[in-house]
C-alpha atoms as a PDB file:
ATOM      1  CA  MET A   1     114.893  77.676 123.472  1.00  0.00           C
ATOM      2  CA  GLU A   2     114.389  81.083 121.864  1.00  0.00           C
ATOM      3  CA  HIS A   3     110.966  82.668 122.259  1.00  0.00           C
ATOM      4  CA  LYS A   4     109.224  84.040 119.172  1.00  0.00           C
ATOM      5  CA  ALA A   5     106.424  86.598 119.018  1.00  0.00           C
ATOM      6  CA  GLY A   6     104.900  88.833 116.385  1.00  0.00           C
ATOM      7  CA  PHE A   7     101.906  90.408 114.727  1.00  0.00           C
ATOM      8  CA  VAL A   8     100.278  88.569 111.825  1.00  0.00           C
ATOM      9  CA  ASN A   9      97.716  90.789 110.153  1.00  0.00           C
ATOM     10  CA  ILE A  10      94.997  89.470 107.842  1.00  0.00           C
ATOM     11  CA  ILE A  11      93.708  91.691 105.041  1.00  0.00           C
ATOM     12  CA  GLY A  12      91.561  91.193 101.950  1.00  0.00           C
ATOM     13  CA  ASN A  13      88.288  92.040 100.249  1.00  0.00           C
ATOM     14  CA  PRO A  14      84.997  91.653 102.148  1.00  0.00           C
ATOM     15  CA  ASN A  15      83.695  88.148 102.772  1.00  0.00           C
ATOM     16  CA  VAL A  16      86.772  86.163 101.701  1.00  0.00           C
ATOM     17  CA  GLY A  17      87.020  84.252 105.006  1.00  0.00           C
ATOM     18  CA  LYS A  18      89.372  86.378 107.140  1.00  0.00           C
ATOM     19  CA  SER A  19      87.322  85.941 110.313  1.00  0.00           C
ATOM     20  CA  THR A  20      86.890  82.194 109.715  1.00  0.00           C
ATOM     21  CA  LEU A  21      90.669  81.850 109.414  1.00  0.00           C
ATOM     22  CA  MET A  22      91.407  83.782 112.591  1.00  0.00           C
ATOM     23  CA  ASN A  23      88.856  81.782 114.571  1.00  0.00           C
ATOM     24  CA  ALA A  24      90.415  78.566 113.223  1.00  0.00           C
ATOM     25  CA  PHE A  25      93.892  79.671 114.351  1.00  0.00           C
ATOM     26  CA  VAL A  26      92.759  80.893 117.779  1.00  0.00           C
ATOM     27  CA  GLY A  27      90.382  78.011 118.447  1.00  0.00           C
ATOM     28  CA  GLU A  28      87.727  80.416 119.715  1.00  0.00           C
ATOM     29  CA  ARG A  29      84.933  82.316 118.004  1.00  0.00           C
ATOM     30  CA  LEU A  30      86.308  85.844 118.411  1.00  0.00           C
ATOM     31  CA  SER A  31      85.134  87.299 115.087  1.00  0.00           C
ATOM     32  CA  ILE A  32      81.526  87.057 113.972  1.00  0.00           C
ATOM     33  CA  ILE A  33      80.885  85.402 110.620  1.00  0.00           C
ATOM     34  CA  THR A  34      78.013  85.921 108.201  1.00  0.00           C
ATOM     35  CA  SER A  35      77.592  85.772 104.436  1.00  0.00           C
ATOM     36  CA  LYS A  36      77.152  89.555 104.287  1.00  0.00           C
ATOM     37  CA  ALA A  37      79.913  91.992 103.427  1.00  0.00           C
ATOM     38  CA  GLN A  38      81.271  94.346 106.112  1.00  0.00           C
ATOM     39  CA  THR A  39      80.540  91.892 108.925  1.00  0.00           C
ATOM     40  CA  THR A  40      83.813  92.894 110.625  1.00  0.00           C
ATOM     41  CA  ARG A  41      83.868  96.587 111.557  1.00  0.00           C
ATOM     42  CA  HIS A  42      86.810  96.741 113.963  1.00  0.00           C
ATOM     43  CA  ARG A  43      90.337  95.420 114.109  1.00  0.00           C
ATOM     44  CA  ILE A  44      90.209  92.417 116.430  1.00  0.00           C
ATOM     45  CA  LEU A  45      93.282  90.749 117.933  1.00  0.00           C
ATOM     46  CA  GLY A  46      93.325  87.031 118.615  1.00  0.00           C
ATOM     47  CA  ILE A  47      96.298  85.742 120.628  1.00  0.00           C
ATOM     48  CA  VAL A  48      97.677  82.202 120.262  1.00  0.00           C
ATOM     49  CA  ASN A  49     100.196  81.170 122.914  1.00  0.00           C
ATOM     50  CA  GLY A  50     102.685  78.319 123.075  1.00  0.00           C
ATOM     51  CA  ASP A  51     105.587  77.589 125.387  1.00  0.00           C
ATOM     52  CA  ASP A  52     108.041  79.242 122.983  1.00  0.00           C
ATOM     53  CA  PHE A  53     105.826  81.532 120.905  1.00  0.00           C
ATOM     54  CA  GLN A  54     103.068  84.127 120.950  1.00  0.00           C
ATOM     55  CA  LEU A  55     101.185  84.741 117.725  1.00  0.00           C
ATOM     56  CA  ILE A  56      99.072  87.904 117.640  1.00  0.00           C
ATOM     57  CA  LEU A  57      96.548  87.662 114.816  1.00  0.00           C
ATOM     58  CA  SER A  58      94.678  90.696 113.594  1.00  0.00           C
ATOM     59  CA  ASP A  59      91.341  90.388 111.766  1.00  0.00           C
ATOM     60  CA  THR A  60      90.474  93.559 109.843  1.00  0.00           C
ATOM     61  CA  PRO A  61      87.424  94.874 107.980  1.00  0.00           C
ATOM     62  CA  GLY A  62      87.139  93.934 104.316  1.00  0.00           C
ATOM     63  CA  ILE A  63      88.666  96.546 102.033  1.00  0.00           C
ATOM     64  CA  ILE A  64      86.044  98.813 100.438  1.00  0.00           C
ATOM     65  CA  LYS A  65      85.721 102.296  98.963  1.00  0.00           C
ATOM     66  CA  PRO A  66      84.309 104.244 101.937  1.00  0.00           C
ATOM     67  CA  ALA A  67      80.882 105.833 101.448  1.00  0.00           C
ATOM     68  CA  TYR A  68      80.455 107.476 104.867  1.00  0.00           C
ATOM     69  CA  GLU A  69      82.471 108.317 107.960  1.00  0.00           C
ATOM     70  CA  MET A  70      82.124 104.958 109.725  1.00  0.00           C
ATOM     71  CA  GLN A  71      83.555 103.196 106.662  1.00  0.00           C
ATOM     72  CA  GLU A  72      86.447 105.693 106.592  1.00  0.00           C
ATOM     73  CA  SER A  73      87.226 104.641 110.145  1.00  0.00           C
ATOM     74  CA  MET A  74      87.006 100.958 109.167  1.00  0.00           C
ATOM     75  CA  MET A  75      89.608 101.515 106.443  1.00  0.00           C
ATOM     76  CA  ASN A  76      91.864 103.269 108.978  1.00  0.00           C
ATOM     77  CA  PHE A  77      91.919  99.977 110.918  1.00  0.00           C
ATOM     78  CA  VAL A  78      93.174  98.298 107.729  1.00  0.00           C
ATOM     79  CA  LYS A  79      95.872 100.960 107.234  1.00  0.00           C
ATOM     80  CA  SER A  80      97.110 100.410 110.781  1.00  0.00           C
ATOM     81  CA  ALA A  81      97.412  96.681 110.040  1.00  0.00           C
ATOM     82  CA  PHE A  82     100.118  97.447 107.470  1.00  0.00           C
ATOM     83  CA  GLU A  83     102.086  99.561 109.920  1.00  0.00           C
ATOM     84  CA  ASP A  84     102.703  97.047 112.705  1.00  0.00           C
ATOM     85  CA  ALA A  85     102.703  93.692 110.874  1.00  0.00           C
ATOM     86  CA  ASP A  86     105.629  91.274 111.149  1.00  0.00           C
ATOM     87  CA  ILE A  87     103.881  88.971 108.667  1.00  0.00           C
ATOM     88  CA  LEU A  88     101.090  89.924 106.280  1.00  0.00           C
ATOM     89  CA  ILE A  89      98.360  87.506 105.241  1.00  0.00           C
ATOM     90  CA  TYR A  90      96.619  88.565 102.042  1.00  0.00           C
ATOM     91  CA  MET A  91      93.486  86.474 101.706  1.00  0.00           C
ATOM     92  CA  VAL A  92      91.662  85.972  98.413  1.00  0.00           C
ATOM     93  CA  GLU A  93      89.061  83.509  97.221  1.00  0.00           C
ATOM     94  CA  ILE A  94      88.740  81.413  94.084  1.00  0.00           C
ATOM     95  CA  GLY A  95      87.745  83.590  91.121  1.00  0.00           C
ATOM     96  CA  GLU A  96      88.735  86.890  92.715  1.00  0.00           C
ATOM     97  CA  GLN A  97      90.910  89.288  90.727  1.00  0.00           C
ATOM     98  CA  ALA A  98      92.411  91.967  92.996  1.00  0.00           C
ATOM     99  CA  LEU A  99      91.799  94.336  95.873  1.00  0.00           C
ATOM    100  CA  LYS A 100      89.186  97.031  95.303  1.00  0.00           C
ATOM    101  CA  ASP A 101      91.710  99.623  96.501  1.00  0.00           C
ATOM    102  CA  GLU A 102      94.815  99.980  94.330  1.00  0.00           C
ATOM    103  CA  ALA A 103      96.818 101.816  97.003  1.00  0.00           C
ATOM    104  CA  PHE A 104      96.401  98.908  99.425  1.00  0.00           C
ATOM    105  CA  PHE A 105      97.350  96.443  96.683  1.00  0.00           C
ATOM    106  CA  ASN A 106     100.562  98.356  95.958  1.00  0.00           C
ATOM    107  CA  LYS A 107     101.446  98.169  99.646  1.00  0.00           C
ATOM    108  CA  ILE A 108     101.136  94.387  99.506  1.00  0.00           C
ATOM    109  CA  ILE A 109     103.328  93.848  96.449  1.00  0.00           C
ATOM    110  CA  HIS A 110     105.986  96.228  97.799  1.00  0.00           C
ATOM    111  CA  ALA A 111     105.900  94.953 101.389  1.00  0.00           C
ATOM    112  CA  LYS A 112     109.288  94.480 103.070  1.00  0.00           C
ATOM    113  CA  ILE A 113     107.920  91.762 105.366  1.00  0.00           C
ATOM    114  CA  PRO A 114     106.891  88.153 104.541  1.00  0.00           C
ATOM    115  CA  VAL A 115     103.575  87.949 102.658  1.00  0.00           C
ATOM    116  CA  LEU A 116     101.466  84.795 102.663  1.00  0.00           C
ATOM    117  CA  LEU A 117      98.753  84.782 100.004  1.00  0.00           C
ATOM    118  CA  LEU A 118      95.987  82.402 101.047  1.00  0.00           C
ATOM    119  CA  LEU A 119      93.752  81.256  98.217  1.00  0.00           C
ATOM    120  CA  ASN A 120      90.607  80.389 100.159  1.00  0.00           C
ATOM    121  CA  LYS A 121      87.443  78.387  99.401  1.00  0.00           C
ATOM    122  CA  ILE A 122      89.265  75.918  97.154  1.00  0.00           C
ATOM    123  CA  ASP A 123      86.576  73.369  98.054  1.00  0.00           C
ATOM    124  CA  ASN A 124      84.406  75.376  95.608  1.00  0.00           C
ATOM    125  CA  SER A 125      86.826  74.784  92.695  1.00  0.00           C
ATOM    126  CA  ASN A 126      88.292  72.021  90.531  1.00  0.00           C
ATOM    127  CA  GLN A 127      91.943  71.208  89.896  1.00  0.00           C
ATOM    128  CA  GLU A 128      92.136  73.100  86.591  1.00  0.00           C
ATOM    129  CA  GLN A 129      90.648  76.256  88.094  1.00  0.00           C
ATOM    130  CA  LEU A 130      92.935  75.991  91.111  1.00  0.00           C
ATOM    131  CA  GLU A 131      96.049  75.740  88.937  1.00  0.00           C
ATOM    132  CA  GLU A 132      94.908  78.754  86.891  1.00  0.00           C
ATOM    133  CA  GLN A 133      94.372  80.773  90.058  1.00  0.00           C
ATOM    134  CA  VAL A 134      97.762  79.845  91.528  1.00  0.00           C
ATOM    135  CA  ALA A 135      99.435  80.924  88.282  1.00  0.00           C
ATOM    136  CA  PHE A 136      97.456  84.184  88.225  1.00  0.00           C
ATOM    137  CA  TRP A 137      98.382  85.143  91.787  1.00  0.00           C
ATOM    138  CA  THR A 138     102.016  84.051  91.392  1.00  0.00           C
ATOM    139  CA  GLU A 139     102.333  86.633  88.639  1.00  0.00           C
ATOM    140  CA  LYS A 140     100.189  89.262  90.391  1.00  0.00           C
ATOM    141  CA  VAL A 141     101.930  89.098  93.796  1.00  0.00           C
ATOM    142  CA  PRO A 142     105.439  87.745  93.081  1.00  0.00           C
ATOM    143  CA  ASN A 143     106.675  88.497  96.611  1.00  0.00           C
ATOM    144  CA  ALA A 144     104.099  86.191  98.244  1.00  0.00           C
ATOM    145  CA  GLU A 145     104.130  82.530  99.253  1.00  0.00           C
ATOM    146  CA  ILE A 146     100.856  81.020  98.016  1.00  0.00           C
ATOM    147  CA  PHE A 147      98.832  78.506 100.023  1.00  0.00           C
ATOM    148  CA  PRO A 148      95.558  77.075  98.667  1.00  0.00           C
ATOM    149  CA  ILE A 149      93.284  76.567 101.697  1.00  0.00           C
ATOM    150  CA  SER A 150      89.754  76.056 102.918  1.00  0.00           C
ATOM    151  CA  ALA A 151      89.450  77.973 106.190  1.00  0.00           C
ATOM    152  CA  LEU A 152      85.963  76.560 106.759  1.00  0.00           C
ATOM    153  CA  LYS A 153      87.048  72.914 106.274  1.00  0.00           C
ATOM    154  CA  ASN A 154      90.450  73.471 107.950  1.00  0.00           C
ATOM    155  CA  PHE A 155      92.268  72.268 104.810  1.00  0.00           C
ATOM    156  CA  ASN A 156      95.928  73.363 104.769  1.00  0.00           C
ATOM    157  CA  VAL A 157      95.296  75.677 107.754  1.00  0.00           C
ATOM    158  CA  PRO A 158      97.709  73.773 110.073  1.00  0.00           C
ATOM    159  CA  GLU A 159     100.390  74.003 107.361  1.00  0.00           C
ATOM    160  CA  VAL A 160      99.931  77.778 107.128  1.00  0.00           C
ATOM    161  CA  PHE A 161     100.130  78.040 110.926  1.00  0.00           C
ATOM    162  CA  ALA A 162     103.371  76.044 110.943  1.00  0.00           C
ATOM    163  CA  ARG A 163     104.854  78.317 108.264  1.00  0.00           C
ATOM    164  CA  ILE A 164     103.909  81.407 110.263  1.00  0.00           C
ATOM    165  CA  LEU A 165     105.743  80.038 113.302  1.00  0.00           C
ATOM    166  CA  THR A 166     108.942  79.662 111.266  1.00  0.00           C
ATOM    167  CA  LEU A 167     108.668  83.283 110.092  1.00  0.00           C
ATOM    168  CA  LEU A 168     107.968  84.856 113.508  1.00  0.00           C
ATOM    169  CA  PRO A 169     110.798  87.074 114.814  1.00  0.00           C
ATOM    170  CA  VAL A 170     112.611  86.247 118.037  1.00  0.00           C
ATOM    171  CA  SER A 171     110.908  88.333 120.716  1.00  0.00           C
ATOM    172  CA  PRO A 172     109.455  88.144 124.209  1.00  0.00           C
ATOM    173  CA  ALA A 173     105.655  87.961 124.503  1.00  0.00           C
ATOM    174  CA  PHE A 174     103.723  91.191 124.022  1.00  0.00           C
ATOM    175  CA  TYR A 175     100.710  90.108 126.107  1.00  0.00           C
ATOM    176  CA  PRO A 176     100.205  87.916 129.190  1.00  0.00           C
ATOM    177  CA  LYS A 177     100.302  84.253 128.179  1.00  0.00           C
ATOM    178  CA  ASP A 178      96.751  83.605 129.384  1.00  0.00           C
ATOM    179  CA  GLN A 179      95.238  86.450 127.330  1.00  0.00           C
ATOM    180  CA  LEU A 180      93.084  85.522 124.330  1.00  0.00           C
ATOM    181  CA  THR A 181      92.253  88.913 122.826  1.00  0.00           C
ATOM    182  CA  ASP A 182      92.627  92.665 123.294  1.00  0.00           C
ATOM    183  CA  LYS A 183      88.871  93.256 123.457  1.00  0.00           C
ATOM    184  CA  PRO A 184      86.768  93.448 126.659  1.00  0.00           C
ATOM    185  CA  GLU A 185      83.789  91.199 127.414  1.00  0.00           C
ATOM    186  CA  ARG A 186      81.278  93.870 126.406  1.00  0.00           C
ATOM    187  CA  PHE A 187      82.730  93.957 122.888  1.00  0.00           C
ATOM    188  CA  PHE A 188      81.833  90.286 122.371  1.00  0.00           C
ATOM    189  CA  VAL A 189      78.328  90.857 123.703  1.00  0.00           C
ATOM    190  CA  ASN A 190      77.884  93.675 121.185  1.00  0.00           C
ATOM    191  CA  GLU A 191      79.281  91.598 118.323  1.00  0.00           C
ATOM    192  CA  THR A 192      77.157  88.551 119.142  1.00  0.00           C
ATOM    193  CA  ILE A 193      73.949  90.593 119.051  1.00  0.00           C
ATOM    194  CA  ARG A 194      75.041  92.373 115.864  1.00  0.00           C
ATOM    195  CA  GLU A 195      75.715  89.018 114.212  1.00  0.00           C
ATOM    196  CA  LYS A 196      72.105  87.925 114.833  1.00  0.00           C
ATOM    197  CA  ILE A 197      70.872  91.165 113.290  1.00  0.00           C
ATOM    198  CA  LEU A 198      73.083  90.579 110.244  1.00  0.00           C
ATOM    199  CA  LEU A 199      71.635  87.089 109.922  1.00  0.00           C
ATOM    200  CA  HIS A 200      67.955  87.932 110.334  1.00  0.00           C
ATOM    201  CA  TYR A 201      67.469  91.374 108.783  1.00  0.00           C
ATOM    202  CA  SER A 202      68.030  92.496 105.203  1.00  0.00           C
ATOM    203  CA  LYS A 203      68.830  95.587 103.141  1.00  0.00           C
ATOM    204  CA  GLU A 204      70.107  98.590 105.106  1.00  0.00           C
ATOM    205  CA  ILE A 205      68.986  97.480 108.590  1.00  0.00           C
ATOM    206  CA  PRO A 206      72.162  95.588 109.702  1.00  0.00           C
ATOM    207  CA  TYR A 207      74.431  98.398 108.537  1.00  0.00           C
ATOM    208  CA  ALA A 208      72.429 101.073 110.377  1.00  0.00           C
ATOM    209  CA  VAL A 209      72.728  99.177 113.685  1.00  0.00           C
ATOM    210  CA  GLU A 210      75.225  99.602 116.504  1.00  0.00           C
ATOM    211  CA  ILE A 211      75.120  97.762 119.837  1.00  0.00           C
ATOM    212  CA  GLU A 212      76.104  99.170 123.213  1.00  0.00           C
ATOM    213  CA  THR A 213      76.276  97.014 126.335  1.00  0.00           C
ATOM    214  CA  GLU A 214      75.094  99.341 129.107  1.00  0.00           C
ATOM    215  CA  GLU A 215      75.324  96.849 131.984  1.00  0.00           C
ATOM    216  CA  PHE A 216      77.476  93.749 132.492  1.00  0.00           C
ATOM    217  CA  PHE A 217      77.280  92.256 135.994  1.00  0.00           C
ATOM    218  CA  GLU A 218      79.006  88.919 136.580  1.00  0.00           C
ATOM    219  CA  ASP A 219      78.232  86.674 139.542  1.00  0.00           C
ATOM    220  CA  GLU A 220      79.620  83.207 140.211  1.00  0.00           C
ATOM    221  CA  ASN A 221      76.961  81.401 138.167  1.00  0.00           C
ATOM    222  CA  ILE A 222      75.268  84.063 136.030  1.00  0.00           C
ATOM    223  CA  ILE A 223      76.039  87.174 133.977  1.00  0.00           C
ATOM    224  CA  ARG A 224      73.353  89.851 133.771  1.00  0.00           C
ATOM    225  CA  ILE A 225      73.538  91.982 130.635  1.00  0.00           C
ATOM    226  CA  ARG A 226      71.541  94.958 129.428  1.00  0.00           C
ATOM    227  CA  ALA A 227      72.238  95.860 125.790  1.00  0.00           C
ATOM    228  CA  LEU A 228      71.019  98.727 123.647  1.00  0.00           C
ATOM    229  CA  ILE A 229      70.419  98.238 119.923  1.00  0.00           C
ATOM    230  CA  MET A 230      70.779 101.581 118.169  1.00  0.00           C
ATOM    231  CA  VAL A 231      69.301 102.393 114.770  1.00  0.00           C
ATOM    232  CA  GLU A 232      69.226 105.592 112.712  1.00  0.00           C
ATOM    233  CA  ARG A 233      65.476 105.983 112.049  1.00  0.00           C
ATOM    234  CA  ASP A 234      62.127 105.272 113.699  1.00  0.00           C
ATOM    235  CA  THR A 235      61.104 102.962 110.843  1.00  0.00           C
ATOM    236  CA  GLN A 236      64.202 100.844 111.485  1.00  0.00           C
ATOM    237  CA  LYS A 237      63.288 100.578 115.165  1.00  0.00           C
ATOM    238  CA  GLY A 238      59.920  99.114 114.223  1.00  0.00           C
ATOM    239  CA  ILE A 239      61.528  96.559 111.912  1.00  0.00           C
ATOM    240  CA  ILE A 240      64.041  95.473 114.558  1.00  0.00           C
ATOM    241  CA  ILE A 241      61.294  94.942 117.144  1.00  0.00           C
ATOM    242  CA  GLY A 242      58.908  93.242 114.697  1.00  0.00           C
ATOM    243  CA  HIS A 243      55.274  92.239 115.143  1.00  0.00           C
ATOM    244  CA  LYS A 244      54.501  91.903 118.882  1.00  0.00           C
ATOM    245  CA  GLY A 245      58.256  92.007 119.560  1.00  0.00           C
ATOM    246  CA  GLU A 246      58.848  88.598 117.973  1.00  0.00           C
ATOM    247  CA  ALA A 247      61.826  89.647 115.840  1.00  0.00           C
ATOM    248  CA  LEU A 248      63.654  91.232 118.779  1.00  0.00           C
ATOM    249  CA  LYS A 249      62.850  88.212 120.945  1.00  0.00           C
ATOM    250  CA  ARG A 250      64.505  85.890 118.395  1.00  0.00           C
ATOM    251  CA  VAL A 251      67.658  88.051 118.404  1.00  0.00           C
ATOM    252  CA  GLY A 252      67.738  87.876 122.206  1.00  0.00           C
ATOM    253  CA  VAL A 253      67.191  84.115 122.443  1.00  0.00           C
ATOM    254  CA  GLU A 254      69.882  83.283 119.860  1.00  0.00           C
ATOM    255  CA  SER A 255      72.355  85.804 121.301  1.00  0.00           C
ATOM    256  CA  ARG A 256      71.898  84.426 124.805  1.00  0.00           C
ATOM    257  CA  ALA A 257      72.587  80.861 123.618  1.00  0.00           C
ATOM    258  CA  ASP A 258      75.858  81.910 121.939  1.00  0.00           C
ATOM    259  CA  LEU A 259      76.938  84.049 124.885  1.00  0.00           C
ATOM    260  CA  GLU A 260      76.389  81.154 127.297  1.00  0.00           C
ATOM    261  CA  LYS A 261      78.756  79.053 125.168  1.00  0.00           C
ATOM    262  CA  PHE A 262      81.304  81.863 124.964  1.00  0.00           C
ATOM    263  CA  PHE A 263      81.347  82.747 128.670  1.00  0.00           C
ATOM    264  CA  GLY A 264      80.522  79.271 130.038  1.00  0.00           C
ATOM    265  CA  LYS A 265      77.839  80.688 132.329  1.00  0.00           C
ATOM    266  CA  GLN A 266      74.119  81.280 132.445  1.00  0.00           C
ATOM    267  CA  ILE A 267      73.214  84.593 130.792  1.00  0.00           C
ATOM    268  CA  HIS A 268      70.328  86.915 131.593  1.00  0.00           C
ATOM    269  CA  LEU A 269      70.052  89.253 128.596  1.00  0.00           C
ATOM    270  CA  GLU A 270      67.798  92.273 128.208  1.00  0.00           C
ATOM    271  CA  THR A 271      67.741  94.096 124.848  1.00  0.00           C
ATOM    272  CA  TYR A 272      66.227  97.485 124.028  1.00  0.00           C
ATOM    273  CA  VAL A 273      66.006  99.470 120.802  1.00  0.00           C
ATOM    274  CA  LYS A 274      66.731 103.196 120.545  1.00  0.00           C
ATOM    275  CA  VAL A 275      66.963 105.692 117.664  1.00  0.00           C
ATOM    276  CA  ASN A 276      70.350 107.437 117.411  1.00  0.00           C
ATOM    277  CA  LYS A 277      69.997 109.535 114.270  1.00  0.00           C
ATOM    278  CA  ASN A 278      72.818 109.447 111.696  1.00  0.00           C
ATOM    279  CA  TRP A 279      75.304 107.938 114.135  1.00  0.00           C
ATOM    280  CA  ARG A 280      77.401 106.517 111.250  1.00  0.00           C
ATOM    281  CA  SER A 281      78.271 110.036 110.096  1.00  0.00           C
ATOM    282  CA  ASN A 282      78.685 111.626 113.525  1.00  0.00           C
ATOM    283  CA  ALA A 283      82.329 111.866 114.639  1.00  0.00           C
ATOM    284  CA  ASN A 284      81.452 112.045 118.347  1.00  0.00           C
ATOM    285  CA  GLN A 285      79.198 108.990 118.150  1.00  0.00           C
ATOM    286  CA  LEU A 286      81.815 107.046 116.187  1.00  0.00           C
ATOM    287  CA  ARG A 287      84.426 107.816 118.845  1.00  0.00           C
ATOM    288  CA  ARG A 288      81.982 106.633 121.499  1.00  0.00           C
ATOM    289  CA  PHE A 289      81.623 103.294 119.690  1.00  0.00           C
ATOM    290  CA  GLY A 290      85.385 102.841 119.226  1.00  0.00           C
ATOM    291  CA  TYR A 291      85.734 103.694 115.523  1.00  0.00           C
ATOM    292  CA  ASN A 292      87.805 106.871 115.599  1.00  0.00           C
ATOM    293  CA  ASN A 293      90.332 105.901 118.268  1.00  0.00           C
END
């Protein structure tokens, strides 16, 4: 039997369900999910293996007009997703009109590779609205196959997966068959802690935060982790820590619980907060955190 393998890259506006879809395909929680825009900052690969296929999914940041250097880097991850895709998934949600970036949209409608347009969150619509949306997108992106789905409820997701497998090119595997992602363990520690900050803090705080795992020591039964939460200003440090350290403690407790599920081991987690002024606009700092690679 011929072996198939290829890169399936997911793009779309912020908060349309790209990370939920990738996690559903992979069967693991690789991408963090919150209701806030710009939850995904990096391009994250999730690898699905079968006896005769390897599907390499790529979750990308939501497409925005960049306001500072870190966001420029985020959009570079999206650009790279166009360059190496064998199949492109363009994800939209009910009621959405088009990408916020016209240049990206033109790349989609002129793509030379298969394009699957996934109309997500259809559980929030009725039949009339759904039919209107399908007609709208059929005209807007005539080169795409349209699938109404609910990534959260897993509606039509297996059908999309099956269609992807038929479109994959014949190829040997690109990664070892037991590999789940291209990211190291420390990346998932950082993302888990950042997710809790996105969930529990408002306004600018989550977007001014970066996490760095300084220590990751794994024994047979326990993983000992020391993580640094970086903010841009002293006032933000105080907000992260909270009254008598209660806010930071909640982040640590919830992060540890998720990390124990992810790694399947007991976790000892220490978190600290440090001011790293204007890191989002500092090219050297962005390289250090993996944005300008």
